[in-house]
Amino acid sequence: MFHCELINSDISGSDCIIVCDVADDMLKETAIDSKFKVKEDFKEICKNCKFHNYEEE
């Protein structure tokens, strides 16, 4: 589980990856639920998250 600042809740790793891909413009915004897009600067918030581009060791 990863804490997502966009919704102030924990989300699965797979959801986190999809939201990150949208923030990086690799996927269209329609790929994620609207709850992740409520904040106007959601892409920047996501890009600045410690879990963005996270890799397990």
C-alpha atoms as a PDB file:
ATOM      1  CA  MET A   1       0.000   0.000   0.000  1.00  0.00           C
ATOM      2  CA  PHE A   2       1.118   3.518  -0.812  1.00  0.00           C
ATOM      3  CA  HIS A   3      -0.156   6.742   0.719  1.00  0.00           C
ATOM      4  CA  CYS A   4      -1.554   8.971  -2.035  1.00  0.00           C
ATOM      5  CA  GLU A   5      -1.553  12.691  -1.284  1.00  0.00           C
ATOM      6  CA  LEU A   6      -4.113  13.264  -4.026  1.00  0.00           C
ATOM      7  CA  ILE A   7      -6.840  11.519  -2.047  1.00  0.00           C
ATOM      8  CA  ASN A   8      -5.142  11.464   1.377  1.00  0.00           C
ATOM      9  CA  SER A   9      -5.565   7.702   1.584  1.00  0.00           C
ATOM     10  CA  ASP A  10      -3.687   4.480   0.911  1.00  0.00           C
ATOM     11  CA  ILE A  11      -3.870   2.963  -2.561  1.00  0.00           C
ATOM     12  CA  SER A  12      -2.490  -0.206  -4.119  1.00  0.00           C
ATOM     13  CA  GLY A  13       0.814  -0.235  -5.939  1.00  0.00           C
ATOM     14  CA  SER A  14      -0.899  -0.865  -9.252  1.00  0.00           C
ATOM     15  CA  ASP A  15      -3.189   2.163  -8.782  1.00  0.00           C
ATOM     16  CA  CYS A  16      -0.160   4.239  -7.845  1.00  0.00           C
ATOM     17  CA  ILE A  17       1.643   3.229 -11.036  1.00  0.00           C
ATOM     18  CA  ILE A  18      -1.342   4.148 -13.193  1.00  0.00           C
ATOM     19  CA  VAL A  19      -1.740   7.550 -11.506  1.00  0.00           C
ATOM     20  CA  CYS A  20       2.006   8.160 -11.949  1.00  0.00           C
ATOM     21  CA  ASP A  21       1.777   7.266 -15.630  1.00  0.00           C
ATOM     22  CA  VAL A  22      -1.050   9.773 -16.058  1.00  0.00           C
ATOM     23  CA  ALA A  23       0.991  12.430 -14.244  1.00  0.00           C
ATOM     24  CA  ASP A  24       3.885  11.701 -16.623  1.00  0.00           C
ATOM     25  CA  ASP A  25       1.531  11.965 -19.636  1.00  0.00           C
ATOM     26  CA  MET A  26       2.122   8.324 -20.554  1.00  0.00           C
ATOM     27  CA  LEU A  27      -1.600   7.550 -20.176  1.00  0.00           C
ATOM     28  CA  LYS A  28      -4.666   9.686 -20.765  1.00  0.00           C
ATOM     29  CA  GLU A  29      -6.379  11.228 -17.745  1.00  0.00           C
ATOM     30  CA  THR A  30      -9.391   9.029 -18.446  1.00  0.00           C
ATOM     31  CA  ALA A  31      -7.332   6.068 -17.191  1.00  0.00           C
ATOM     32  CA  ILE A  32      -7.794   7.156 -13.568  1.00  0.00           C
ATOM     33  CA  ASP A  33     -10.815   7.772 -11.384  1.00  0.00           C
ATOM     34  CA  SER A  34     -11.936  11.383 -11.048  1.00  0.00           C
ATOM     35  CA  LYS A  35     -11.123  11.312  -7.314  1.00  0.00           C
ATOM     36  CA  PHE A  36      -7.421  11.527  -8.233  1.00  0.00           C
ATOM     37  CA  LYS A  37      -7.996  14.642 -10.375  1.00  0.00           C
ATOM     38  CA  VAL A  38      -9.869  16.814  -7.842  1.00  0.00           C
ATOM     39  CA  LYS A  39      -6.831  18.934  -7.021  1.00  0.00           C
ATOM     40  CA  GLU A  40      -6.059  21.336  -9.862  1.00  0.00           C
ATOM     41  CA  ASP A  41      -2.324  20.599  -9.791  1.00  0.00           C
ATOM     42  CA  PHE A  42      -2.703  16.843  -9.289  1.00  0.00           C
ATOM     43  CA  LYS A  43       0.056  15.986 -11.753  1.00  0.00           C
ATOM     44  CA  GLU A  44       2.628  18.124  -9.952  1.00  0.00           C
ATOM     45  CA  ILE A  45       1.536  16.785  -6.564  1.00  0.00           C
ATOM     46  CA  CYS A  46       1.993  13.255  -7.879  1.00  0.00           C
ATOM     47  CA  LYS A  47       5.385  14.020  -9.446  1.00  0.00           C
ATOM     48  CA  ASN A  48       6.625  15.432  -6.129  1.00  0.00           C
ATOM     49  CA  CYS A  49       5.448  12.424  -4.115  1.00  0.00           C
ATOM     50  CA  LYS A  50       8.131  10.210  -2.574  1.00  0.00           C
ATOM     51  CA  PHE A  51       6.483   7.212  -4.247  1.00  0.00           C
ATOM     52  CA  HIS A  52       6.627   8.663  -7.765  1.00  0.00           C
ATOM     53  CA  ASN A  53       9.128   6.504  -9.684  1.00  0.00           C
ATOM     54  CA  TYR A  54       9.471   4.346  -6.565  1.00  0.00           C
ATOM     55  CA  GLU A  55      11.463   1.157  -6.974  1.00  0.00           C
ATOM     56  CA  GLU A  56      11.550  -1.626  -4.418  1.00  0.00           C
ATOM     57  CA  GLU A  57      15.015  -2.817  -3.561  1.00  0.00           C
END
